[in-house]
Amino acid sequence: MVTTAFAVEGLTCGSCLAEVLEQMRTVAGVSGAAIDLVVGGRSPVVVTSGAAMRTDQIRAAVEQAGFVLAADDRRAGPHDHGPEHVLATRISELDNSEFFLGGVR
């Protein structure tokens, strides 16, 4: 299995995320896709496939969903982590931050 990382711009909600994932699943060779939603920013996308995916294949799926593949998308390397790690890291950062909502921790 090959893991390839991209980023999608402009996702604002779970419906946007679902639409991109649905289009990703239509790309030949894709066996899985996961997105870490960054509302209005660059949402990391990890695509799992049997062989390396071409950027144009992923770009076409993202555009079909109505969004834009980030200009400086990159191939995942051995140091990259899937969205589950990114999300866990972000939760940890929030947990350790100085920002609290209404005194609730």
N, C-alpha and C. Protein backbone atom coordinates (compact mmCIF):
# COMPACT_ATOMS: atom_id res chain seq x y z
N MET A 1 0.83 -1.18 0.00
CA MET A 1 0.00 0.00 0.00
C MET A 1 0.87 1.25 0.00
N VAL A 2 0.41 2.25 -0.71
CA VAL A 2 1.12 3.53 -0.81
C VAL A 2 0.24 4.60 -0.18
N THR A 3 0.84 5.46 0.62
CA THR A 3 0.12 6.58 1.22
C THR A 3 0.63 7.86 0.60
N THR A 4 -0.29 8.69 0.13
CA THR A 4 0.07 9.96 -0.50
C THR A 4 -0.67 11.08 0.21
N ALA A 5 0.05 12.16 0.52
CA ALA A 5 -0.56 13.29 1.23
C ALA A 5 -0.79 14.47 0.29
N PHE A 6 -1.93 15.09 0.45
CA PHE A 6 -2.31 16.28 -0.30
C PHE A 6 -2.94 17.25 0.68
N ALA A 7 -3.35 18.40 0.19
CA ALA A 7 -4.13 19.34 0.99
C ALA A 7 -5.21 19.94 0.11
N VAL A 8 -6.39 20.12 0.69
CA VAL A 8 -7.53 20.70 -0.03
C VAL A 8 -7.87 22.02 0.64
N GLU A 9 -8.14 23.03 -0.18
CA GLU A 9 -8.48 24.35 0.35
C GLU A 9 -9.98 24.58 0.29
N GLY A 10 -10.50 25.29 1.29
CA GLY A 10 -11.86 25.77 1.25
C GLY A 10 -12.93 24.93 1.90
N LEU A 11 -12.58 23.82 2.52
CA LEU A 11 -13.61 23.02 3.19
C LEU A 11 -14.11 23.79 4.41
N THR A 12 -15.43 23.83 4.59
CA THR A 12 -15.98 24.59 5.72
C THR A 12 -16.85 23.76 6.65
N CYS A 13 -17.16 22.51 6.26
CA CYS A 13 -18.05 21.71 7.11
C CYS A 13 -17.90 20.23 6.78
N GLY A 14 -18.62 19.43 7.56
CA GLY A 14 -18.60 17.99 7.35
C GLY A 14 -19.18 17.57 6.00
N SER A 15 -20.14 18.33 5.49
CA SER A 15 -20.70 18.00 4.18
C SER A 15 -19.67 18.19 3.07
N CYS A 16 -18.88 19.26 3.20
CA CYS A 16 -17.79 19.50 2.23
C CYS A 16 -16.82 18.33 2.26
N LEU A 17 -16.43 17.94 3.46
CA LEU A 17 -15.50 16.84 3.65
C LEU A 17 -16.06 15.56 3.04
N ALA A 18 -17.32 15.27 3.30
CA ALA A 18 -17.95 14.06 2.77
C ALA A 18 -17.98 14.07 1.24
N GLU A 19 -18.22 15.21 0.64
CA GLU A 19 -18.26 15.31 -0.82
C GLU A 19 -16.90 15.01 -1.42
N VAL A 20 -15.84 15.55 -0.81
CA VAL A 20 -14.49 15.29 -1.32
C VAL A 20 -14.16 13.81 -1.16
N LEU A 21 -14.46 13.23 0.00
CA LEU A 21 -14.19 11.81 0.21
C LEU A 21 -14.94 10.95 -0.80
N GLU A 22 -16.19 11.29 -1.07
CA GLU A 22 -16.99 10.54 -2.04
C GLU A 22 -16.33 10.56 -3.42
N GLN A 23 -15.86 11.73 -3.83
CA GLN A 23 -15.19 11.85 -5.14
C GLN A 23 -13.85 11.10 -5.14
N MET A 24 -13.13 11.13 -4.03
CA MET A 24 -11.84 10.41 -3.94
C MET A 24 -12.05 8.92 -4.16
N ARG A 25 -13.15 8.40 -3.62
CA ARG A 25 -13.43 6.96 -3.74
C ARG A 25 -13.71 6.53 -5.18
N THR A 26 -14.00 7.49 -6.06
CA THR A 26 -14.26 7.16 -7.46
C THR A 26 -12.98 7.05 -8.28
N VAL A 27 -11.86 7.48 -7.72
CA VAL A 27 -10.59 7.44 -8.44
C VAL A 27 -10.07 6.00 -8.47
N ALA A 28 -9.78 5.50 -9.67
CA ALA A 28 -9.27 4.14 -9.82
C ALA A 28 -8.00 3.95 -9.00
N GLY A 29 -7.98 2.88 -8.22
CA GLY A 29 -6.80 2.55 -7.43
C GLY A 29 -6.85 3.04 -5.99
N VAL A 30 -7.74 3.96 -5.67
CA VAL A 30 -7.83 4.47 -4.30
C VAL A 30 -8.55 3.44 -3.44
N SER A 31 -7.89 3.02 -2.35
CA SER A 31 -8.52 2.07 -1.44
C SER A 31 -9.00 2.74 -0.16
N GLY A 32 -8.54 3.97 0.07
CA GLY A 32 -8.99 4.70 1.25
C GLY A 32 -8.57 6.15 1.18
N ALA A 33 -9.31 7.00 1.88
CA ALA A 33 -8.98 8.42 1.94
C ALA A 33 -9.47 8.96 3.28
N ALA A 34 -8.69 9.86 3.87
CA ALA A 34 -9.07 10.48 5.13
C ALA A 34 -8.68 11.95 5.08
N ILE A 35 -9.51 12.78 5.70
CA ILE A 35 -9.27 14.22 5.70
C ILE A 35 -9.35 14.73 7.13
N ASP A 36 -8.41 15.59 7.48
CA ASP A 36 -8.44 16.30 8.76
C ASP A 36 -9.00 17.69 8.46
N LEU A 37 -10.26 17.93 8.78
CA LEU A 37 -10.93 19.18 8.43
C LEU A 37 -10.31 20.37 9.16
N VAL A 38 -9.85 21.32 8.36
CA VAL A 38 -9.38 22.61 8.86
C VAL A 38 -10.32 23.63 8.22
N VAL A 39 -11.31 24.09 8.97
CA VAL A 39 -12.36 24.94 8.45
C VAL A 39 -11.79 26.19 7.79
N GLY A 40 -12.07 26.34 6.49
CA GLY A 40 -11.64 27.50 5.73
C GLY A 40 -10.15 27.55 5.43
N GLY A 41 -9.40 26.56 5.87
CA GLY A 41 -7.95 26.54 5.64
C GLY A 41 -7.55 25.39 4.73
N ARG A 42 -6.35 24.90 4.93
CA ARG A 42 -5.80 23.80 4.15
C ARG A 42 -6.02 22.50 4.92
N SER A 43 -6.94 21.69 4.44
CA SER A 43 -7.26 20.43 5.10
C SER A 43 -6.37 19.32 4.55
N PRO A 44 -5.55 18.69 5.42
CA PRO A 44 -4.70 17.58 4.96
C PRO A 44 -5.53 16.38 4.54
N VAL A 45 -5.14 15.78 3.42
CA VAL A 45 -5.81 14.60 2.89
C VAL A 45 -4.75 13.50 2.75
N VAL A 46 -5.07 12.31 3.23
CA VAL A 46 -4.20 11.16 3.06
C VAL A 46 -4.94 10.13 2.24
N VAL A 47 -4.34 9.76 1.12
CA VAL A 47 -4.94 8.80 0.20
C VAL A 47 -4.12 7.51 0.24
N THR A 48 -4.80 6.39 0.41
CA THR A 48 -4.16 5.08 0.40
C THR A 48 -4.53 4.38 -0.91
N SER A 49 -3.52 3.82 -1.56
CA SER A 49 -3.76 3.17 -2.85
C SER A 49 -2.75 2.06 -3.05
N GLY A 50 -3.01 1.23 -4.04
CA GLY A 50 -2.11 0.14 -4.35
C GLY A 50 -0.83 0.60 -5.02
N ALA A 51 -0.88 1.74 -5.71
CA ALA A 51 0.28 2.33 -6.39
C ALA A 51 0.23 3.83 -6.17
N ALA A 52 1.35 4.50 -6.42
CA ALA A 52 1.41 5.95 -6.23
C ALA A 52 0.34 6.64 -7.09
N MET A 53 -0.32 7.61 -6.48
CA MET A 53 -1.36 8.36 -7.18
C MET A 53 -0.74 9.57 -7.86
N ARG A 54 -1.21 9.88 -9.05
CA ARG A 54 -0.77 11.09 -9.74
C ARG A 54 -1.58 12.26 -9.21
N THR A 55 -0.94 13.40 -9.06
CA THR A 55 -1.61 14.59 -8.56
C THR A 55 -2.81 14.96 -9.41
N ASP A 56 -2.71 14.79 -10.74
CA ASP A 56 -3.84 15.17 -11.60
C ASP A 56 -5.07 14.31 -11.35
N GLN A 57 -4.89 13.06 -10.93
CA GLN A 57 -6.03 12.20 -10.61
C GLN A 57 -6.77 12.74 -9.38
N ILE A 58 -6.01 13.11 -8.38
CA ILE A 58 -6.60 13.62 -7.14
C ILE A 58 -7.19 15.01 -7.38
N ARG A 59 -6.47 15.85 -8.14
CA ARG A 59 -6.97 17.20 -8.45
C ARG A 59 -8.34 17.12 -9.13
N ALA A 60 -8.48 16.21 -10.08
CA ALA A 60 -9.76 16.07 -10.80
C ALA A 60 -10.89 15.70 -9.85
N ALA A 61 -10.63 14.80 -8.91
CA ALA A 61 -11.66 14.40 -7.95
C ALA A 61 -12.03 15.56 -7.03
N VAL A 62 -11.03 16.29 -6.57
CA VAL A 62 -11.28 17.43 -5.68
C VAL A 62 -12.08 18.51 -6.41
N GLU A 63 -11.72 18.78 -7.66
CA GLU A 63 -12.44 19.79 -8.45
C GLU A 63 -13.87 19.34 -8.75
N GLN A 64 -14.07 18.04 -8.98
CA GLN A 64 -15.41 17.51 -9.21
C GLN A 64 -16.28 17.75 -7.97
N ALA A 65 -15.66 17.72 -6.80
CA ALA A 65 -16.40 17.98 -5.55
C ALA A 65 -16.62 19.47 -5.33
N GLY A 66 -15.97 20.32 -6.14
CA GLY A 66 -16.17 21.76 -6.04
C GLY A 66 -15.13 22.48 -5.21
N PHE A 67 -13.97 21.85 -5.00
CA PHE A 67 -12.93 22.46 -4.18
C PHE A 67 -11.61 22.50 -4.93
N VAL A 68 -10.57 23.00 -4.27
CA VAL A 68 -9.28 23.21 -4.91
C VAL A 68 -8.20 22.43 -4.18
N LEU A 69 -7.40 21.70 -4.95
CA LEU A 69 -6.23 21.04 -4.38
C LEU A 69 -5.18 22.12 -4.15
N ALA A 70 -4.59 22.16 -2.97
CA ALA A 70 -3.60 23.18 -2.64
C ALA A 70 -2.45 23.12 -3.64
N ALA A 71 -1.92 24.29 -3.97
CA ALA A 71 -0.90 24.42 -5.00
C ALA A 71 0.39 23.68 -4.67
N ASP A 72 0.76 23.60 -3.41
CA ASP A 72 2.02 22.96 -3.07
C ASP A 72 1.82 21.60 -2.44
N ASP A 73 0.86 20.82 -3.01
CA ASP A 73 0.66 19.48 -2.50
C ASP A 73 1.96 18.71 -2.63
N ARG A 74 2.10 17.66 -1.84
CA ARG A 74 3.36 16.93 -1.81
C ARG A 74 3.10 15.45 -1.64
N ARG A 75 4.11 14.67 -1.93
CA ARG A 75 4.02 13.23 -1.71
C ARG A 75 4.36 12.94 -0.25
N ALA A 76 3.68 11.97 0.31
CA ALA A 76 3.96 11.59 1.69
C ALA A 76 5.28 10.85 1.75
N GLY A 77 6.03 11.11 2.77
CA GLY A 77 7.29 10.41 3.00
C GLY A 77 7.17 9.57 4.26
N PRO A 78 8.25 8.89 4.62
CA PRO A 78 8.19 8.01 5.78
C PRO A 78 7.96 8.76 7.09
N HIS A 79 8.21 10.07 7.10
CA HIS A 79 8.02 10.86 8.32
C HIS A 79 6.60 11.39 8.45
N ASP A 80 5.79 11.22 7.43
CA ASP A 80 4.43 11.75 7.47
C ASP A 80 3.53 10.84 8.30
N HIS A 81 2.48 11.42 8.83
CA HIS A 81 1.53 10.69 9.65
C HIS A 81 0.14 10.87 9.07
N GLY A 82 -0.72 9.92 9.32
CA GLY A 82 -2.09 10.00 8.85
C GLY A 82 -2.90 11.00 9.65
N PRO A 83 -4.10 11.30 9.18
CA PRO A 83 -4.95 12.28 9.85
C PRO A 83 -5.22 11.97 11.31
N GLU A 84 -5.27 10.68 11.67
CA GLU A 84 -5.54 10.36 13.06
C GLU A 84 -4.44 10.90 13.97
N HIS A 85 -3.20 10.90 13.48
CA HIS A 85 -2.09 11.45 14.27
C HIS A 85 -2.18 12.97 14.31
N VAL A 86 -2.50 13.58 13.18
CA VAL A 86 -2.62 15.04 13.11
C VAL A 86 -3.69 15.51 14.07
N LEU A 87 -4.86 14.84 14.05
CA LEU A 87 -5.95 15.23 14.93
C LEU A 87 -5.55 15.04 16.39
N ALA A 88 -4.92 13.92 16.71
CA ALA A 88 -4.48 13.70 18.09
C ALA A 88 -3.49 14.77 18.53
N THR A 89 -2.62 15.17 17.63
CA THR A 89 -1.65 16.22 17.94
C THR A 89 -2.37 17.53 18.21
N ARG A 90 -3.34 17.86 17.39
CA ARG A 90 -4.08 19.11 17.58
C ARG A 90 -4.86 19.10 18.88
N ILE A 91 -5.46 17.96 19.23
CA ILE A 91 -6.18 17.87 20.49
C ILE A 91 -5.21 18.07 21.65
N SER A 92 -4.04 17.45 21.54
CA SER A 92 -3.02 17.60 22.58
C SER A 92 -2.59 19.06 22.69
N GLU A 93 -2.41 19.74 21.55
CA GLU A 93 -2.01 21.15 21.58
C GLU A 93 -3.07 21.99 22.27
N LEU A 94 -4.35 21.71 21.96
CA LEU A 94 -5.43 22.45 22.61
C LEU A 94 -5.46 22.16 24.11
N ASP A 95 -5.27 20.91 24.46
CA ASP A 95 -5.32 20.50 25.85
C ASP A 95 -4.22 21.19 26.66
N ASN A 96 -3.08 21.44 26.02
CA ASN A 96 -1.94 22.03 26.72
C ASN A 96 -1.85 23.54 26.53
N SER A 97 -2.82 24.14 25.87
CA SER A 97 -2.75 25.56 25.57
C SER A 97 -3.25 26.40 26.73
N GLU A 98 -3.08 27.68 26.61
CA GLU A 98 -3.54 28.63 27.61
C GLU A 98 -5.00 29.02 27.38
N PHE A 99 -5.58 28.51 26.30
CA PHE A 99 -6.93 28.89 25.90
C PHE A 99 -7.95 27.95 26.55
N PHE A 100 -8.85 28.51 27.31
CA PHE A 100 -9.91 27.73 27.93
C PHE A 100 -11.24 28.41 27.64
N LEU A 101 -12.28 27.63 27.46
CA LEU A 101 -13.61 28.18 27.18
C LEU A 101 -14.39 28.31 28.47
N GLY A 102 -14.65 29.54 28.87
CA GLY A 102 -15.48 29.79 30.04
C GLY A 102 -15.03 29.07 31.30
N GLY A 103 -13.74 28.89 31.45
CA GLY A 103 -13.21 28.24 32.65
C GLY A 103 -13.33 26.73 32.62
N VAL A 104 -13.87 26.18 31.55
CA VAL A 104 -14.02 24.71 31.45
C VAL A 104 -12.74 24.15 30.87
N ARG A 105 -12.24 23.14 31.49
CA ARG A 105 -11.00 22.53 31.01
C ARG A 105 -11.30 21.13 30.58
